[in-house]
Amino acid sequence: MANPWEGEVELTIDGKARRMRLTLRALAELERSLDVDDVDALLAILDGNRLGARELVALAVAGLRGGGWAVDAGMLLDADIAGGPAALIAAVARMVETGFRLPDGAAR
């Protein structure tokens, strides 16, 4: 079960509940996979509110890895996601929102 106090979000993939979480490793992977130099550049992409499928998959894969699943983009693209793409988009949005929130609830 996902722990929102730890920034975790749950998504059901191939019938199994999976946790998604932005960790330092996940952020480093995102920087590399999206070819950005730092977290500020990554935040600029996220703040633009115009994510493409490539960014969405990169965010989901990084978050799923942060949650403990050794997944890659190909595995995710071939998986059955409960709720389809809309559920994936919602889960990624929640993960980003909770991952960049200060403990008192204020956004970073």
PDB file of N, CA and C in Angstrom:
ATOM      1  N   MET A   1       0.833  -1.179   0.000  1.00  0.00           N
ATOM      2  CA  MET A   1       0.000   0.000   0.000  1.00  0.00           C
ATOM      3  C   MET A   1       0.883   1.249   0.000  1.00  0.00           C
ATOM      4  N   ALA A   2       0.533   2.213  -0.820  1.00  0.00           N
ATOM      5  CA  ALA A   2       1.316   3.443  -0.937  1.00  0.00           C
ATOM      6  C   ALA A   2       1.162   4.308   0.307  1.00  0.00           C
ATOM      7  N   ASN A   3       2.256   4.962   0.679  1.00  0.00           N
ATOM      8  CA  ASN A   3       2.271   5.855   1.827  1.00  0.00           C
ATOM      9  C   ASN A   3       2.392   7.295   1.320  1.00  0.00           C
ATOM     10  N   PRO A   4       1.302   8.061   1.305  1.00  0.00           N
ATOM     11  CA  PRO A   4       1.366   9.427   0.777  1.00  0.00           C
ATOM     12  C   PRO A   4       2.299  10.339   1.578  1.00  0.00           C
ATOM     13  N   TRP A   5       2.548  10.025   2.850  1.00  0.00           N
ATOM     14  CA  TRP A   5       3.462  10.838   3.659  1.00  0.00           C
ATOM     15  C   TRP A   5       4.906  10.669   3.199  1.00  0.00           C
ATOM     16  N   GLU A   6       5.171   9.595   2.460  1.00  0.00           N
ATOM     17  CA  GLU A   6       6.493   9.355   1.884  1.00  0.00           C
ATOM     18  C   GLU A   6       6.523   9.747   0.406  1.00  0.00           C
ATOM     19  N   GLY A   7       5.453  10.368  -0.072  1.00  0.00           N
ATOM     20  CA  GLY A   7       5.385  10.775  -1.467  1.00  0.00           C
ATOM     21  C   GLY A   7       5.037   9.649  -2.414  1.00  0.00           C
ATOM     22  N   GLU A   8       4.483   8.562  -1.878  1.00  0.00           N
ATOM     23  CA  GLU A   8       4.156   7.412  -2.705  1.00  0.00           C
ATOM     24  C   GLU A   8       2.740   7.508  -3.274  1.00  0.00           C
ATOM     25  N   VAL A   9       2.598   6.985  -4.474  1.00  0.00           N
ATOM     26  CA  VAL A   9       1.321   6.898  -5.170  1.00  0.00           C
ATOM     27  C   VAL A   9       1.195   5.461  -5.657  1.00  0.00           C
ATOM     28  N   GLU A  10      -0.010   4.956  -5.695  1.00  0.00           N
ATOM     29  CA  GLU A  10      -0.227   3.574  -6.127  1.00  0.00           C
ATOM     30  C   GLU A  10      -0.876   3.538  -7.503  1.00  0.00           C
ATOM     31  N   LEU A  11      -0.435   2.584  -8.311  1.00  0.00           N
ATOM     32  CA  LEU A  11      -0.987   2.353  -9.643  1.00  0.00           C
ATOM     33  C   LEU A  11      -1.009   0.851  -9.863  1.00  0.00           C
ATOM     34  N   THR A  12      -2.109   0.332 -10.393  1.00  0.00           N
ATOM     35  CA  THR A  12      -2.213  -1.108 -10.641  1.00  0.00           C
ATOM     36  C   THR A  12      -1.759  -1.403 -12.064  1.00  0.00           C
ATOM     37  N   ILE A  13      -0.744  -2.251 -12.152  1.00  0.00           N
ATOM     38  CA  ILE A  13      -0.147  -2.615 -13.441  1.00  0.00           C
ATOM     39  C   ILE A  13      -0.107  -4.133 -13.525  1.00  0.00           C
ATOM     40  N   ASP A  14      -0.666  -4.666 -14.605  1.00  0.00           N
ATOM     41  CA  ASP A  14      -0.753  -6.118 -14.799  1.00  0.00           C
ATOM     42  C   ASP A  14      -1.348  -6.803 -13.569  1.00  0.00           C
ATOM     43  N   GLY A  15      -2.363  -6.168 -12.989  1.00  0.00           N
ATOM     44  CA  GLY A  15      -3.083  -6.748 -11.866  1.00  0.00           C
ATOM     45  C   GLY A  15      -2.398  -6.638 -10.516  1.00  0.00           C
ATOM     46  N   LYS A  16      -1.248  -5.968 -10.474  1.00  0.00           N
ATOM     47  CA  LYS A  16      -0.507  -5.849  -9.224  1.00  0.00           C
ATOM     48  C   LYS A  16      -0.367  -4.375  -8.835  1.00  0.00           C
ATOM     49  N   ALA A  17      -0.644  -4.074  -7.574  1.00  0.00           N
ATOM     50  CA  ALA A  17      -0.485  -2.714  -7.084  1.00  0.00           C
ATOM     51  C   ALA A  17       1.001  -2.383  -7.029  1.00  0.00           C
ATOM     52  N   ARG A  18       1.363  -1.286  -7.666  1.00  0.00           N
ATOM     53  CA  ARG A  18       2.764  -0.832  -7.700  1.00  0.00           C
ATOM     54  C   ARG A  18       2.847   0.552  -7.074  1.00  0.00           C
ATOM     55  N   ARG A  19       3.933   0.792  -6.343  1.00  0.00           N
ATOM     56  CA  ARG A  19       4.158   2.110  -5.756  1.00  0.00           C
ATOM     57  C   ARG A  19       5.025   2.941  -6.691  1.00  0.00           C
ATOM     58  N   MET A  20       4.721   4.234  -6.727  1.00  0.00           N
ATOM     59  CA  MET A  20       5.521   5.198  -7.481  1.00  0.00           C
ATOM     60  C   MET A  20       6.000   6.253  -6.489  1.00  0.00           C
ATOM     61  N   ARG A  21       7.279   6.638  -6.610  1.00  0.00           N
ATOM     62  CA  ARG A  21       7.833   7.620  -5.689  1.00  0.00           C
ATOM     63  C   ARG A  21       9.032   8.304  -6.333  1.00  0.00           C
ATOM     64  N   LEU A  22       9.097   9.618  -6.178  1.00  0.00           N
ATOM     65  CA  LEU A  22      10.258  10.356  -6.669  1.00  0.00           C
ATOM     66  C   LEU A  22      11.347  10.332  -5.607  1.00  0.00           C
ATOM     67  N   THR A  23      12.409   9.606  -5.896  1.00  0.00           N
ATOM     68  CA  THR A  23      13.579   9.546  -5.029  1.00  0.00           C
ATOM     69  C   THR A  23      14.702  10.332  -5.693  1.00  0.00           C
ATOM     70  N   LEU A  24      15.808  10.496  -5.001  1.00  0.00           N
ATOM     71  CA  LEU A  24      16.957  11.165  -5.629  1.00  0.00           C
ATOM     72  C   LEU A  24      17.424  10.403  -6.860  1.00  0.00           C
ATOM     73  N   ARG A  25      17.425   9.079  -6.758  1.00  0.00           N
ATOM     74  CA  ARG A  25      17.811   8.264  -7.918  1.00  0.00           C
ATOM     75  C   ARG A  25      16.831   8.485  -9.073  1.00  0.00           C
ATOM     76  N   ALA A  26      15.537   8.538  -8.750  1.00  0.00           N
ATOM     77  CA  ALA A  26      14.522   8.763  -9.781  1.00  0.00           C
ATOM     78  C   ALA A  26      14.728  10.118 -10.448  1.00  0.00           C
ATOM     79  N   LEU A  27      15.031  11.142  -9.658  1.00  0.00           N
ATOM     80  CA  LEU A  27      15.272  12.465 -10.230  1.00  0.00           C
ATOM     81  C   LEU A  27      16.506  12.464 -11.125  1.00  0.00           C
ATOM     82  N   ALA A  28      17.552  11.776 -10.702  1.00  0.00           N
ATOM     83  CA  ALA A  28      18.761  11.684 -11.532  1.00  0.00           C
ATOM     84  C   ALA A  28      18.463  10.959 -12.843  1.00  0.00           C
ATOM     85  N   GLU A  29      17.672   9.889 -12.772  1.00  0.00           N
ATOM     86  CA  GLU A  29      17.286   9.174 -13.993  1.00  0.00           C
ATOM     87  C   GLU A  29      16.460  10.065 -14.912  1.00  0.00           C
ATOM     88  N   LEU A  30      15.572  10.850 -14.323  1.00  0.00           N
ATOM     89  CA  LEU A  30      14.749  11.765 -15.128  1.00  0.00           C
ATOM     90  C   LEU A  30      15.609  12.798 -15.836  1.00  0.00           C
ATOM     91  N   GLU A  31      16.562  13.370 -15.119  1.00  0.00           N
ATOM     92  CA  GLU A  31      17.456  14.344 -15.747  1.00  0.00           C
ATOM     93  C   GLU A  31      18.148  13.716 -16.956  1.00  0.00           C
ATOM     94  N   ARG A  32      18.652  12.494 -16.768  1.00  0.00           N
ATOM     95  CA  ARG A  32      19.364  11.812 -17.856  1.00  0.00           C
ATOM     96  C   ARG A  32      18.420  11.464 -19.005  1.00  0.00           C
ATOM     97  N   SER A  33      17.265  10.874 -18.689  1.00  0.00           N
ATOM     98  CA  SER A  33      16.378  10.420 -19.762  1.00  0.00           C
ATOM     99  C   SER A  33      15.716  11.573 -20.513  1.00  0.00           C
ATOM    100  N   LEU A  34      15.515  12.707 -19.836  1.00  0.00           N
ATOM    101  CA  LEU A  34      14.907  13.865 -20.498  1.00  0.00           C
ATOM    102  C   LEU A  34      15.949  14.859 -20.983  1.00  0.00           C
ATOM    103  N   ASP A  35      17.232  14.500 -20.806  1.00  0.00           N
ATOM    104  CA  ASP A  35      18.356  15.301 -21.292  1.00  0.00           C
ATOM    105  C   ASP A  35      18.303  16.742 -20.774  1.00  0.00           C
ATOM    106  N   VAL A  36      18.155  16.865 -19.452  1.00  0.00           N
ATOM    107  CA  VAL A  36      18.218  18.176 -18.807  1.00  0.00           C
ATOM    108  C   VAL A  36      19.398  18.186 -17.847  1.00  0.00           C
ATOM    109  N   ASP A  37      19.893  19.373 -17.530  1.00  0.00           N
ATOM    110  CA  ASP A  37      21.114  19.491 -16.749  1.00  0.00           C
ATOM    111  C   ASP A  37      20.917  19.471 -15.245  1.00  0.00           C
ATOM    112  N   ASP A  38      19.726  19.833 -14.779  1.00  0.00           N
ATOM    113  CA  ASP A  38      19.526  19.922 -13.338  1.00  0.00           C
ATOM    114  C   ASP A  38      18.044  19.876 -12.993  1.00  0.00           C
ATOM    115  N   VAL A  39      17.772  19.883 -11.693  1.00  0.00           N
ATOM    116  CA  VAL A  39      16.387  19.781 -11.238  1.00  0.00           C
ATOM    117  C   VAL A  39      15.585  21.013 -11.650  1.00  0.00           C
ATOM    118  N   ASP A  40      16.216  22.184 -11.706  1.00  0.00           N
ATOM    119  CA  ASP A  40      15.502  23.386 -12.147  1.00  0.00           C
ATOM    120  C   ASP A  40      14.984  23.220 -13.578  1.00  0.00           C
ATOM    121  N   ALA A  41      15.803  22.653 -14.444  1.00  0.00           N
ATOM    122  CA  ALA A  41      15.369  22.418 -15.826  1.00  0.00           C
ATOM    123  C   ALA A  41      14.255  21.373 -15.873  1.00  0.00           C
ATOM    124  N   LEU A  42      14.362  20.370 -15.011  1.00  0.00           N
ATOM    125  CA  LEU A  42      13.299  19.366 -14.919  1.00  0.00           C
ATOM    126  C   LEU A  42      12.001  20.003 -14.448  1.00  0.00           C
ATOM    127  N   LEU A  43      12.081  20.856 -13.433  1.00  0.00           N
ATOM    128  CA  LEU A  43      10.887  21.546 -12.943  1.00  0.00           C
ATOM    129  C   LEU A  43      10.279  22.447 -14.004  1.00  0.00           C
ATOM    130  N   ALA A  44      11.116  23.045 -14.849  1.00  0.00           N
ATOM    131  CA  ALA A  44      10.596  23.889 -15.930  1.00  0.00           C
ATOM    132  C   ALA A  44       9.737  23.059 -16.887  1.00  0.00           C
ATOM    133  N   ILE A  45      10.147  21.829 -17.141  1.00  0.00           N
ATOM    134  CA  ILE A  45       9.347  20.940 -17.995  1.00  0.00           C
ATOM    135  C   ILE A  45       8.026  20.621 -17.303  1.00  0.00           C
ATOM    136  N   LEU A  46       8.101  20.296 -16.030  1.00  0.00           N
ATOM    137  CA  LEU A  46       6.890  19.927 -15.284  1.00  0.00           C
ATOM    138  C   LEU A  46       5.959  21.114 -15.116  1.00  0.00           C
ATOM    139  N   ASP A  47       6.514  22.296 -14.899  1.00  0.00           N
ATOM    140  CA  ASP A  47       5.693  23.492 -14.717  1.00  0.00           C
ATOM    141  C   ASP A  47       5.030  23.945 -16.006  1.00  0.00           C
ATOM    142  N   GLY A  48       5.559  23.485 -17.146  1.00  0.00           N
ATOM    143  CA  GLY A  48       4.991  23.884 -18.421  1.00  0.00           C
ATOM    144  C   GLY A  48       3.631  23.276 -18.696  1.00  0.00           C
ATOM    145  N   ASN A  49       3.261  22.249 -17.923  1.00  0.00           N
ATOM    146  CA  ASN A  49       1.960  21.589 -18.065  1.00  0.00           C
ATOM    147  C   ASN A  49       1.689  21.065 -19.471  1.00  0.00           C
ATOM    148  N   ARG A  50       2.746  20.769 -20.205  1.00  0.00           N
ATOM    149  CA  ARG A  50       2.590  20.220 -21.549  1.00  0.00           C
ATOM    150  C   ARG A  50       3.534  19.048 -21.720  1.00  0.00           C
ATOM    151  N   LEU A  51       3.222  17.971 -21.047  1.00  0.00           N
ATOM    152  CA  LEU A  51       4.063  16.785 -21.131  1.00  0.00           C
ATOM    153  C   LEU A  51       3.646  15.934 -22.319  1.00  0.00           C
ATOM    154  N   GLY A  52       4.632  15.450 -23.039  1.00  0.00           N
ATOM    155  CA  GLY A  52       4.370  14.512 -24.109  1.00  0.00           C
ATOM    156  C   GLY A  52       4.442  13.090 -23.578  1.00  0.00           C
ATOM    157  N   ALA A  53       4.170  12.134 -24.439  1.00  0.00           N
ATOM    158  CA  ALA A  53       4.198  10.734 -24.037  1.00  0.00           C
ATOM    159  C   ALA A  53       5.590  10.328 -23.544  1.00  0.00           C
ATOM    160  N   ARG A  54       6.634  10.850 -24.169  1.00  0.00           N
ATOM    161  CA  ARG A  54       8.009  10.523 -23.761  1.00  0.00           C
ATOM    162  C   ARG A  54       8.263  10.954 -22.325  1.00  0.00           C
ATOM    163  N   GLU A  55       7.852  12.170 -21.984  1.00  0.00           N
ATOM    164  CA  GLU A  55       8.047  12.673 -20.620  1.00  0.00           C
ATOM    165  C   GLU A  55       7.193  11.892 -19.621  1.00  0.00           C
ATOM    166  N   LEU A  56       5.972  11.592 -20.017  1.00  0.00           N
ATOM    167  CA  LEU A  56       5.069  10.834 -19.151  1.00  0.00           C
ATOM    168  C   LEU A  56       5.642   9.457 -18.835  1.00  0.00           C
ATOM    169  N   VAL A  57       6.117   8.758 -19.841  1.00  0.00           N
ATOM    170  CA  VAL A  57       6.699   7.434 -19.634  1.00  0.00           C
ATOM    171  C   VAL A  57       7.961   7.542 -18.777  1.00  0.00           C
ATOM    172  N   ALA A  58       8.811   8.534 -19.048  1.00  0.00           N
ATOM    173  CA  ALA A  58      10.034   8.711 -18.254  1.00  0.00           C
ATOM    174  C   ALA A  58       9.699   8.962 -16.785  1.00  0.00           C
ATOM    175  N   LEU A  59       8.704   9.805 -16.529  1.00  0.00           N
ATOM    176  CA  LEU A  59       8.278  10.082 -15.154  1.00  0.00           C
ATOM    177  C   LEU A  59       7.738   8.817 -14.486  1.00  0.00           C
ATOM    178  N   ALA A  60       6.904   8.084 -15.196  1.00  0.00           N
ATOM    179  CA  ALA A  60       6.314   6.868 -14.635  1.00  0.00           C
ATOM    180  C   ALA A  60       7.386   5.826 -14.341  1.00  0.00           C
ATOM    181  N   VAL A  61       8.293   5.602 -15.269  1.00  0.00           N
ATOM    182  CA  VAL A  61       9.354   4.613 -15.066  1.00  0.00           C
ATOM    183  C   VAL A  61      10.233   5.008 -13.882  1.00  0.00           C
ATOM    184  N   ALA A  62      10.635   6.272 -13.828  1.00  0.00           N
ATOM    185  CA  ALA A  62      11.474   6.723 -12.713  1.00  0.00           C
ATOM    186  C   ALA A  62      10.737   6.564 -11.382  1.00  0.00           C
ATOM    187  N   GLY A  63       9.460   6.917 -11.358  1.00  0.00           N
ATOM    188  CA  GLY A  63       8.677   6.786 -10.128  1.00  0.00           C
ATOM    189  C   GLY A  63       8.474   5.345  -9.716  1.00  0.00           C
ATOM    190  N   LEU A  64       8.224   4.472 -10.687  1.00  0.00           N
ATOM    191  CA  LEU A  64       8.051   3.055 -10.382  1.00  0.00           C
ATOM    192  C   LEU A  64       9.357   2.449  -9.865  1.00  0.00           C
ATOM    193  N   ARG A  65      10.466   2.855 -10.439  1.00  0.00           N
ATOM    194  CA  ARG A  65      11.763   2.400  -9.933  1.00  0.00           C
ATOM    195  C   ARG A  65      11.988   2.931  -8.516  1.00  0.00           C
ATOM    196  N   GLY A  66      11.618   4.196  -8.306  1.00  0.00           N
ATOM    197  CA  GLY A  66      11.720   4.769  -6.967  1.00  0.00           C
ATOM    198  C   GLY A  66      10.857   4.033  -5.966  1.00  0.00           C
ATOM    199  N   GLY A  67       9.782   3.426  -6.447  1.00  0.00           N
ATOM    200  CA  GLY A  67       8.897   2.633  -5.598  1.00  0.00           C
ATOM    201  C   GLY A  67       9.355   1.200  -5.421  1.00  0.00           C
ATOM    202  N   GLY A  68      10.451   0.832  -6.078  1.00  0.00           N
ATOM    203  CA  GLY A  68      11.028  -0.487  -5.864  1.00  0.00           C
ATOM    204  C   GLY A  68      10.852  -1.504  -6.974  1.00  0.00           C
ATOM    205  N   TRP A  69      10.287  -1.118  -8.121  1.00  0.00           N
ATOM    206  CA  TRP A  69      10.097  -2.066  -9.213  1.00  0.00           C
ATOM    207  C   TRP A  69      11.140  -1.799 -10.301  1.00  0.00           C
ATOM    208  N   ALA A  70      11.903  -2.800 -10.679  1.00  0.00           N
ATOM    209  CA  ALA A  70      12.930  -2.667 -11.710  1.00  0.00           C
ATOM    210  C   ALA A  70      12.283  -2.756 -13.093  1.00  0.00           C
ATOM    211  N   VAL A  71      11.614  -1.682 -13.481  1.00  0.00           N
ATOM    212  CA  VAL A  71      10.874  -1.628 -14.735  1.00  0.00           C
ATOM    213  C   VAL A  71      11.657  -0.790 -15.739  1.00  0.00           C
ATOM    214  N   ASP A  72      11.403  -1.024 -17.019  1.00  0.00           N
ATOM    215  CA  ASP A  72      11.936  -0.130 -18.046  1.00  0.00           C
ATOM    216  C   ASP A  72      10.781   0.336 -18.919  1.00  0.00           C
ATOM    217  N   ALA A  73      11.068   1.259 -19.804  1.00  0.00           N
ATOM    218  CA  ALA A  73      10.010   1.865 -20.622  1.00  0.00           C
ATOM    219  C   ALA A  73       9.271   0.818 -21.453  1.00  0.00           C
ATOM    220  N   GLY A  74       9.997  -0.130 -22.026  1.00  0.00           N
ATOM    221  CA  GLY A  74       9.363  -1.165 -22.840  1.00  0.00           C
ATOM    222  C   GLY A  74       8.375  -2.003 -22.044  1.00  0.00           C
ATOM    223  N   MET A  75       8.766  -2.355 -20.820  1.00  0.00           N
ATOM    224  CA  MET A  75       7.870  -3.132 -19.963  1.00  0.00           C
ATOM    225  C   MET A  75       6.598  -2.345 -19.662  1.00  0.00           C
ATOM    226  N   LEU A  76       6.768  -1.061 -19.356  1.00  0.00           N
ATOM    227  CA  LEU A  76       5.599  -0.242 -19.029  1.00  0.00           C
ATOM    228  C   LEU A  76       4.691  -0.082 -20.242  1.00  0.00           C
ATOM    229  N   LEU A  77       5.283   0.149 -21.402  1.00  0.00           N
ATOM    230  CA  LEU A  77       4.480   0.336 -22.610  1.00  0.00           C
ATOM    231  C   LEU A  77       3.689  -0.914 -22.984  1.00  0.00           C
ATOM    232  N   ASP A  78       4.204  -2.083 -22.627  1.00  0.00           N
ATOM    233  CA  ASP A  78       3.524  -3.345 -22.932  1.00  0.00           C
ATOM    234  C   ASP A  78       2.576  -3.793 -21.827  1.00  0.00           C
ATOM    235  N   ALA A  79       2.565  -3.097 -20.713  1.00  0.00           N
ATOM    236  CA  ALA A  79       1.787  -3.524 -19.544  1.00  0.00           C
ATOM    237  C   ALA A  79       0.322  -3.129 -19.666  1.00  0.00           C
ATOM    238  N   ASP A  80      -0.504  -3.842 -18.888  1.00  0.00           N
ATOM    239  CA  ASP A  80      -1.920  -3.510 -18.762  1.00  0.00           C
ATOM    240  C   ASP A  80      -2.069  -2.622 -17.530  1.00  0.00           C
ATOM    241  N   ILE A  81      -2.373  -1.357 -17.755  1.00  0.00           N
ATOM    242  CA  ILE A  81      -2.514  -0.401 -16.665  1.00  0.00           C
ATOM    243  C   ILE A  81      -3.999  -0.249 -16.363  1.00  0.00           C
ATOM    244  N   ALA A  82      -4.363  -0.587 -15.128  1.00  0.00           N
ATOM    245  CA  ALA A  82      -5.766  -0.462 -14.728  1.00  0.00           C
ATOM    246  C   ALA A  82      -6.191   0.989 -14.857  1.00  0.00           C
ATOM    247  N   GLY A  83      -7.246   1.226 -15.611  1.00  0.00           N
ATOM    248  CA  GLY A  83      -7.716   2.591 -15.840  1.00  0.00           C
ATOM    249  C   GLY A  83      -7.110   3.231 -17.073  1.00  0.00           C
ATOM    250  N   GLY A  84      -6.169   2.534 -17.704  1.00  0.00           N
ATOM    251  CA  GLY A  84      -5.583   3.006 -18.951  1.00  0.00           C
ATOM    252  C   GLY A  84      -4.707   4.238 -18.799  1.00  0.00           C
ATOM    253  N   PRO A  85      -4.468   4.920 -19.921  1.00  0.00           N
ATOM    254  CA  PRO A  85      -3.598   6.089 -19.906  1.00  0.00           C
ATOM    255  C   PRO A  85      -4.059   7.187 -18.941  1.00  0.00           C
ATOM    256  N   ALA A  86      -5.361   7.344 -18.786  1.00  0.00           N
ATOM    257  CA  ALA A  86      -5.854   8.383 -17.867  1.00  0.00           C
ATOM    258  C   ALA A  86      -5.412   8.100 -16.437  1.00  0.00           C
ATOM    259  N   ALA A  87      -5.426   6.841 -16.019  1.00  0.00           N
ATOM    260  CA  ALA A  87      -4.983   6.480 -14.669  1.00  0.00           C
ATOM    261  C   ALA A  87      -3.487   6.711 -14.512  1.00  0.00           C
ATOM    262  N   LEU A  88      -2.722   6.410 -15.554  1.00  0.00           N
ATOM    263  CA  LEU A  88      -1.278   6.649 -15.509  1.00  0.00           C
ATOM    264  C   LEU A  88      -0.992   8.138 -15.383  1.00  0.00           C
ATOM    265  N   ILE A  89      -1.675   8.944 -16.179  1.00  0.00           N
ATOM    266  CA  ILE A  89      -1.483  10.401 -16.125  1.00  0.00           C
ATOM    267  C   ILE A  89      -1.828  10.932 -14.733  1.00  0.00           C
ATOM    268  N   ALA A  90      -2.941  10.476 -14.176  1.00  0.00           N
ATOM    269  CA  ALA A  90      -3.359  10.929 -12.841  1.00  0.00           C
ATOM    270  C   ALA A  90      -2.346  10.516 -11.780  1.00  0.00           C
ATOM    271  N   ALA A  91      -1.843   9.294 -11.871  1.00  0.00           N
ATOM    272  CA  ALA A  91      -0.871   8.815 -10.886  1.00  0.00           C
ATOM    273  C   ALA A  91       0.435   9.593 -10.973  1.00  0.00           C
ATOM    274  N   VAL A  92       0.894   9.856 -12.178  1.00  0.00           N
ATOM    275  CA  VAL A  92       2.126  10.637 -12.351  1.00  0.00           C
ATOM    276  C   VAL A  92       1.928  12.049 -11.810  1.00  0.00           C
ATOM    277  N   ALA A  93       0.782  12.646 -12.087  1.00  0.00           N
ATOM    278  CA  ALA A  93       0.510  14.000 -11.586  1.00  0.00           C
ATOM    279  C   ALA A  93       0.519  14.028 -10.058  1.00  0.00           C
ATOM    280  N   ARG A  94      -0.115  13.035  -9.425  1.00  0.00           N
ATOM    281  CA  ARG A  94      -0.115  12.962  -7.958  1.00  0.00           C
ATOM    282  C   ARG A  94       1.292  12.748  -7.420  1.00  0.00           C
ATOM    283  N   MET A  95       2.067  11.905  -8.097  1.00  0.00           N
ATOM    284  CA  MET A  95       3.437  11.638  -7.667  1.00  0.00           C
ATOM    285  C   MET A  95       4.276  12.905  -7.715  1.00  0.00           C
ATOM    286  N   VAL A  96       4.154  13.653  -8.797  1.00  0.00           N
ATOM    287  CA  VAL A  96       4.917  14.894  -8.929  1.00  0.00           C
ATOM    288  C   VAL A  96       4.470  15.896  -7.867  1.00  0.00           C
ATOM    289  N   GLU A  97       3.172  15.994  -7.672  1.00  0.00           N
ATOM    290  CA  GLU A  97       2.642  16.933  -6.670  1.00  0.00           C
ATOM    291  C   GLU A  97       3.135  16.582  -5.272  1.00  0.00           C
ATOM    292  N   THR A  98       3.047  15.309  -4.905  1.00  0.00           N
ATOM    293  CA  THR A  98       3.481  14.921  -3.561  1.00  0.00           C
ATOM    294  C   THR A  98       4.996  14.911  -3.438  1.00  0.00           C
ATOM    295  N   GLY A  99       5.695  14.623  -4.506  1.00  0.00           N
ATOM    296  CA  GLY A  99       7.154  14.560  -4.474  1.00  0.00           C
ATOM    297  C   GLY A  99       7.827  15.912  -4.321  1.00  0.00           C
ATOM    298  N   PHE A 100       7.137  16.971  -4.706  1.00  0.00           N
ATOM    299  CA  PHE A 100       7.721  18.312  -4.624  1.00  0.00           C
ATOM    300  C   PHE A 100       7.000  19.180  -3.610  1.00  0.00           C
ATOM    301  N   ARG A 101       6.423  18.561  -2.599  1.00  0.00           N
ATOM    302  CA  ARG A 101       5.717  19.295  -1.554  1.00  0.00           C
ATOM    303  C   ARG A 101       6.545  19.284  -0.282  1.00  0.00           C
ATOM    304  N   LEU A 102       6.633  20.422   0.366  1.00  0.00           N
ATOM    305  CA  LEU A 102       7.313  20.517   1.661  1.00  0.00           C
ATOM    306  C   LEU A 102       6.464  19.845   2.734  1.00  0.00           C
ATOM    307  N   PRO A 103       7.060  19.409   3.821  1.00  0.00           N
ATOM    308  CA  PRO A 103       6.290  18.720   4.865  1.00  0.00           C
ATOM    309  C   PRO A 103       5.087  19.482   5.373  1.00  0.00           C
ATOM    310  N   ASP A 104       5.133  20.825   5.397  1.00  0.00           N
ATOM    311  CA  ASP A 104       3.992  21.594   5.899  1.00  0.00           C
ATOM    312  C   ASP A 104       2.890  21.741   4.858  1.00  0.00           C
ATOM    313  N   GLY A 105       3.076  21.172   3.667  1.00  0.00           N
ATOM    314  CA  GLY A 105       2.050  21.230   2.629  1.00  0.00           C
ATOM    315  C   GLY A 105       2.303  22.284   1.581  1.00  0.00           C
ATOM    316  N   ALA A 106       3.266  23.165   1.805  1.00  0.00           N
ATOM    317  CA  ALA A 106       3.570  24.206   0.824  1.00  0.00           C
ATOM    318  C   ALA A 106       4.328  23.607  -0.349  1.00  0.00           C
ATOM    319  N   ALA A 107       4.049  24.094  -1.533  1.00  0.00           N
ATOM    320  CA  ALA A 107       4.755  23.608  -2.717  1.00  0.00           C
ATOM    321  C   ALA A 107       6.181  24.117  -2.699  1.00  0.00           C
ATOM    322  N   ARG A 108       7.082  23.326  -3.291  1.00  0.00           N
ATOM    323  CA  ARG A 108       8.494  23.729  -3.368  1.00  0.00           C
ATOM    324  C   ARG A 108       8.700  24.693  -4.485  1.00  0.00           C
TER     325      ARG A 108
END
